[in-house]
């Protein structure tokens, strides 16, 4: 398992809550594991789950994920990819 960052752990917690996967511990999620598909280690999510995730992200971060956007599709590859994508989309704090 890859080591999680704090941001990845927060994103894992958001996904677990949004998808009602209470049996999963955000701290033990492999951030490099695929979110979709049936392979070993995959979360095994489907398109309905993607909609739930997109809604939770929009509510928490104010970022709209569009299904027809190639960058969004790549972001759903793994928890790490999604976390990095959302971090890049968020407005930077003004100093």
N, C-alpha and C. Protein backbone atom coordinates (compact mmCIF):
# COMPACT_ATOMS: atom_id res chain seq x y z
N UNK A 1 0.84 -1.18 0.00
CA UNK A 1 0.00 0.00 0.00
C UNK A 1 0.88 1.24 0.00
N UNK A 2 0.50 2.22 -0.79
CA UNK A 2 1.19 3.50 -0.81
C UNK A 2 0.84 4.27 0.46
N UNK A 3 1.76 5.11 0.89
CA UNK A 3 1.51 5.93 2.06
C UNK A 3 0.55 7.05 1.72
N UNK A 4 -0.41 7.28 2.59
CA UNK A 4 -1.41 8.33 2.39
C UNK A 4 -0.90 9.68 2.89
N UNK A 5 -1.35 10.72 2.21
CA UNK A 5 -1.16 12.07 2.72
C UNK A 5 -2.40 12.41 3.56
N UNK A 6 -2.34 13.50 4.30
CA UNK A 6 -3.50 13.94 5.07
C UNK A 6 -4.67 14.27 4.14
N UNK A 7 -4.37 14.89 2.99
CA UNK A 7 -5.42 15.24 2.03
C UNK A 7 -6.07 13.98 1.46
N UNK A 8 -5.28 12.93 1.21
CA UNK A 8 -5.84 11.68 0.70
C UNK A 8 -6.72 11.00 1.75
N UNK A 9 -6.30 11.07 3.00
CA UNK A 9 -7.11 10.50 4.08
C UNK A 9 -8.44 11.25 4.20
N UNK A 10 -8.40 12.58 4.07
CA UNK A 10 -9.63 13.38 4.11
C UNK A 10 -10.54 13.02 2.93
N UNK A 11 -9.95 12.85 1.74
CA UNK A 11 -10.75 12.49 0.57
C UNK A 11 -11.33 11.09 0.74
N UNK A 12 -10.56 10.17 1.28
CA UNK A 12 -11.07 8.82 1.53
C UNK A 12 -12.25 8.87 2.48
N UNK A 13 -12.16 9.69 3.52
CA UNK A 13 -13.26 9.83 4.47
C UNK A 13 -14.50 10.39 3.79
N UNK A 14 -14.31 11.36 2.90
CA UNK A 14 -15.44 11.94 2.16
C UNK A 14 -16.11 10.89 1.29
N UNK A 15 -15.31 10.11 0.56
CA UNK A 15 -15.87 9.07 -0.31
C UNK A 15 -16.58 7.99 0.51
N UNK A 16 -15.98 7.59 1.60
CA UNK A 16 -16.58 6.55 2.44
C UNK A 16 -17.92 7.03 3.00
N UNK A 17 -17.97 8.28 3.42
CA UNK A 17 -19.23 8.83 3.93
C UNK A 17 -20.26 8.96 2.82
N UNK A 18 -19.86 9.50 1.67
CA UNK A 18 -20.80 9.72 0.56
C UNK A 18 -21.36 8.41 0.03
N UNK A 19 -20.55 7.35 0.05
CA UNK A 19 -20.97 6.08 -0.51
C UNK A 19 -21.48 5.10 0.55
N UNK A 20 -21.56 5.56 1.80
CA UNK A 20 -22.05 4.74 2.91
C UNK A 20 -21.26 3.43 3.04
N UNK A 21 -19.94 3.56 3.00
CA UNK A 21 -19.06 2.40 3.13
C UNK A 21 -18.45 2.38 4.54
N UNK A 22 -19.30 2.41 5.54
CA UNK A 22 -18.86 2.54 6.92
C UNK A 22 -17.91 1.44 7.38
N UNK A 23 -17.88 0.31 6.66
CA UNK A 23 -16.98 -0.77 7.04
C UNK A 23 -15.54 -0.52 6.62
N UNK A 24 -15.29 0.57 5.89
CA UNK A 24 -13.93 0.90 5.46
C UNK A 24 -13.35 1.98 6.37
N UNK A 25 -12.06 1.86 6.63
CA UNK A 25 -11.34 2.82 7.45
C UNK A 25 -10.54 3.72 6.52
N UNK A 26 -10.79 5.04 6.53
CA UNK A 26 -10.07 5.94 5.62
C UNK A 26 -8.55 5.83 5.75
N UNK A 27 -8.06 5.53 6.92
CA UNK A 27 -6.62 5.46 7.15
C UNK A 27 -5.98 4.23 6.51
N UNK A 28 -6.79 3.23 6.15
CA UNK A 28 -6.22 2.01 5.58
C UNK A 28 -6.43 1.89 4.07
N UNK A 29 -7.02 2.92 3.46
CA UNK A 29 -7.27 2.89 2.02
C UNK A 29 -5.97 3.14 1.26
N UNK A 30 -5.69 2.29 0.28
CA UNK A 30 -4.52 2.49 -0.58
C UNK A 30 -4.85 3.61 -1.57
N UNK A 31 -4.14 4.75 -1.49
CA UNK A 31 -4.47 5.87 -2.36
C UNK A 31 -4.20 5.61 -3.84
N UNK A 32 -3.43 4.59 -4.15
CA UNK A 32 -3.13 4.27 -5.55
C UNK A 32 -4.09 3.22 -6.13
N UNK A 33 -4.95 2.64 -5.30
CA UNK A 33 -5.88 1.60 -5.77
C UNK A 33 -6.91 2.21 -6.71
N UNK A 34 -7.26 1.49 -7.77
CA UNK A 34 -8.27 1.99 -8.70
C UNK A 34 -9.63 2.14 -7.99
N UNK A 35 -10.36 3.19 -8.35
CA UNK A 35 -11.68 3.39 -7.79
C UNK A 35 -12.72 2.53 -8.50
N UNK A 36 -12.53 2.27 -9.79
CA UNK A 36 -13.49 1.54 -10.60
C UNK A 36 -12.89 0.25 -11.12
N UNK A 37 -13.75 -0.69 -11.48
CA UNK A 37 -13.29 -1.95 -12.03
C UNK A 37 -13.40 -3.07 -11.01
N UNK A 38 -13.06 -4.24 -11.45
CA UNK A 38 -13.19 -5.44 -10.62
C UNK A 38 -11.85 -6.04 -10.23
N UNK A 39 -10.74 -5.38 -10.55
CA UNK A 39 -9.43 -5.93 -10.26
C UNK A 39 -9.12 -5.98 -8.78
N UNK A 40 -8.09 -6.72 -8.45
CA UNK A 40 -7.65 -6.85 -7.07
C UNK A 40 -7.31 -5.48 -6.50
N UNK A 41 -7.83 -5.19 -5.33
CA UNK A 41 -7.55 -3.92 -4.68
C UNK A 41 -8.44 -2.77 -5.10
N UNK A 42 -9.23 -2.95 -6.15
CA UNK A 42 -10.12 -1.91 -6.64
C UNK A 42 -11.26 -1.67 -5.65
N UNK A 43 -11.73 -0.43 -5.61
CA UNK A 43 -12.91 -0.12 -4.80
C UNK A 43 -14.15 -0.77 -5.40
N UNK A 44 -14.13 -1.06 -6.71
CA UNK A 44 -15.27 -1.68 -7.37
C UNK A 44 -16.46 -0.75 -7.56
N UNK A 45 -16.20 0.54 -7.71
CA UNK A 45 -17.27 1.51 -7.85
C UNK A 45 -17.88 1.48 -9.25
N UNK A 46 -19.06 2.08 -9.39
CA UNK A 46 -19.73 2.16 -10.69
C UNK A 46 -20.13 3.60 -10.98
N UNK A 47 -20.86 3.82 -12.07
CA UNK A 47 -21.20 5.17 -12.50
C UNK A 47 -22.11 5.89 -11.50
N UNK A 48 -22.97 5.17 -10.82
CA UNK A 48 -23.82 5.79 -9.80
C UNK A 48 -22.95 6.30 -8.65
N UNK A 49 -21.96 5.52 -8.28
CA UNK A 49 -21.02 5.95 -7.23
C UNK A 49 -20.28 7.22 -7.67
N UNK A 50 -19.91 7.30 -8.95
CA UNK A 50 -19.23 8.48 -9.46
C UNK A 50 -20.09 9.72 -9.30
N UNK A 51 -21.39 9.58 -9.54
CA UNK A 51 -22.31 10.71 -9.35
C UNK A 51 -22.36 11.13 -7.89
N UNK A 52 -22.41 10.16 -6.99
CA UNK A 52 -22.43 10.45 -5.56
C UNK A 52 -21.15 11.15 -5.12
N UNK A 53 -20.02 10.70 -5.64
CA UNK A 53 -18.74 11.32 -5.32
C UNK A 53 -18.71 12.76 -5.84
N UNK A 54 -19.13 12.94 -7.07
CA UNK A 54 -19.13 14.28 -7.67
C UNK A 54 -20.01 15.24 -6.86
N UNK A 55 -21.16 14.76 -6.40
CA UNK A 55 -22.05 15.59 -5.59
C UNK A 55 -21.40 15.94 -4.25
N UNK A 56 -20.78 14.97 -3.61
CA UNK A 56 -20.12 15.22 -2.32
C UNK A 56 -18.98 16.21 -2.47
N UNK A 57 -18.21 16.10 -3.55
CA UNK A 57 -17.10 17.03 -3.80
C UNK A 57 -17.64 18.43 -4.07
N UNK A 58 -18.71 18.51 -4.85
CA UNK A 58 -19.29 19.82 -5.13
C UNK A 58 -19.80 20.48 -3.85
N UNK A 59 -20.43 19.69 -2.99
CA UNK A 59 -20.95 20.24 -1.74
C UNK A 59 -19.83 20.68 -0.80
N UNK A 60 -18.76 19.90 -0.73
CA UNK A 60 -17.68 20.21 0.22
C UNK A 60 -16.73 21.28 -0.31
N UNK A 61 -16.37 21.18 -1.60
CA UNK A 61 -15.33 22.05 -2.14
C UNK A 61 -15.84 23.08 -3.14
N UNK A 62 -17.10 22.96 -3.58
CA UNK A 62 -17.63 23.89 -4.57
C UNK A 62 -17.06 23.68 -5.96
N UNK A 63 -16.55 22.49 -6.22
CA UNK A 63 -15.94 22.15 -7.51
C UNK A 63 -16.88 21.21 -8.25
N UNK A 64 -17.24 21.61 -9.47
CA UNK A 64 -18.12 20.78 -10.29
C UNK A 64 -17.28 19.86 -11.17
N UNK A 65 -17.55 18.57 -11.09
CA UNK A 65 -16.85 17.58 -11.90
C UNK A 65 -17.76 17.22 -13.07
N UNK A 66 -17.30 17.49 -14.28
CA UNK A 66 -18.11 17.24 -15.48
C UNK A 66 -17.71 15.90 -16.11
N UNK A 67 -18.69 15.07 -16.38
CA UNK A 67 -18.46 13.73 -16.91
C UNK A 67 -17.81 13.75 -18.29
N UNK A 68 -18.05 14.81 -19.07
CA UNK A 68 -17.51 14.86 -20.42
C UNK A 68 -16.11 15.46 -20.48
N UNK A 69 -15.52 15.76 -19.33
CA UNK A 69 -14.19 16.35 -19.27
C UNK A 69 -13.15 15.24 -19.10
N UNK A 70 -12.17 15.18 -20.00
CA UNK A 70 -11.16 14.13 -19.95
C UNK A 70 -10.33 14.19 -18.66
N UNK A 71 -10.04 15.39 -18.19
CA UNK A 71 -9.28 15.52 -16.94
C UNK A 71 -10.06 14.93 -15.76
N UNK A 72 -11.37 15.12 -15.77
CA UNK A 72 -12.21 14.55 -14.72
C UNK A 72 -12.17 13.03 -14.79
N UNK A 73 -12.25 12.50 -15.99
CA UNK A 73 -12.21 11.04 -16.15
C UNK A 73 -10.90 10.47 -15.62
N UNK A 74 -9.79 11.16 -15.90
CA UNK A 74 -8.49 10.71 -15.39
C UNK A 74 -8.42 10.83 -13.87
N UNK A 75 -9.07 11.85 -13.33
CA UNK A 75 -9.05 12.07 -11.88
C UNK A 75 -9.72 10.93 -11.12
N UNK A 76 -10.66 10.26 -11.74
CA UNK A 76 -11.36 9.16 -11.08
C UNK A 76 -10.59 7.84 -11.15
N UNK A 77 -9.35 7.87 -11.57
CA UNK A 77 -8.54 6.66 -11.65
C UNK A 77 -8.25 6.07 -10.27
N UNK A 78 -7.98 6.94 -9.31
CA UNK A 78 -7.63 6.48 -7.96
C UNK A 78 -7.90 7.60 -6.96
N UNK A 79 -7.83 7.25 -5.70
CA UNK A 79 -8.00 8.25 -4.65
C UNK A 79 -6.94 9.33 -4.77
N UNK A 80 -5.71 8.93 -5.05
CA UNK A 80 -4.61 9.88 -5.19
C UNK A 80 -4.85 10.83 -6.35
N UNK A 81 -5.26 10.30 -7.50
CA UNK A 81 -5.51 11.13 -8.68
C UNK A 81 -6.65 12.11 -8.39
N UNK A 82 -7.70 11.64 -7.73
CA UNK A 82 -8.83 12.50 -7.42
C UNK A 82 -8.43 13.60 -6.43
N UNK A 83 -7.69 13.24 -5.42
CA UNK A 83 -7.23 14.22 -4.43
C UNK A 83 -6.36 15.28 -5.09
N UNK A 84 -5.43 14.86 -5.94
CA UNK A 84 -4.55 15.81 -6.63
C UNK A 84 -5.35 16.73 -7.55
N UNK A 85 -6.32 16.16 -8.25
CA UNK A 85 -7.15 16.96 -9.17
C UNK A 85 -7.94 18.02 -8.40
N UNK A 86 -8.55 17.63 -7.31
CA UNK A 86 -9.34 18.58 -6.52
C UNK A 86 -8.43 19.66 -5.94
N UNK A 87 -7.27 19.28 -5.46
CA UNK A 87 -6.32 20.28 -4.92
C UNK A 87 -5.93 21.28 -5.99
N UNK A 88 -5.75 20.83 -7.22
CA UNK A 88 -5.37 21.73 -8.31
C UNK A 88 -6.50 22.66 -8.72
N UNK A 89 -7.74 22.24 -8.49
CA UNK A 89 -8.91 23.04 -8.88
C UNK A 89 -9.31 24.06 -7.82
N UNK A 90 -8.88 23.84 -6.60
CA UNK A 90 -9.28 24.73 -5.52
C UNK A 90 -8.54 26.06 -5.62
N UNK A 91 -9.24 27.14 -5.32
CA UNK A 91 -8.58 28.45 -5.34
C UNK A 91 -7.49 28.50 -4.28
N UNK A 92 -6.37 29.08 -4.63
CA UNK A 92 -5.27 29.20 -3.69
C UNK A 92 -5.56 30.30 -2.68
N UNK A 93 -5.13 30.09 -1.47
CA UNK A 93 -5.33 31.09 -0.42
C UNK A 93 -4.54 32.35 -0.74
N UNK A 94 -5.14 33.49 -0.48
CA UNK A 94 -4.49 34.78 -0.73
C UNK A 94 -3.68 35.14 0.51
N UNK A 95 -2.43 35.51 0.28
CA UNK A 95 -1.56 35.89 1.41
C UNK A 95 -1.51 37.37 1.58
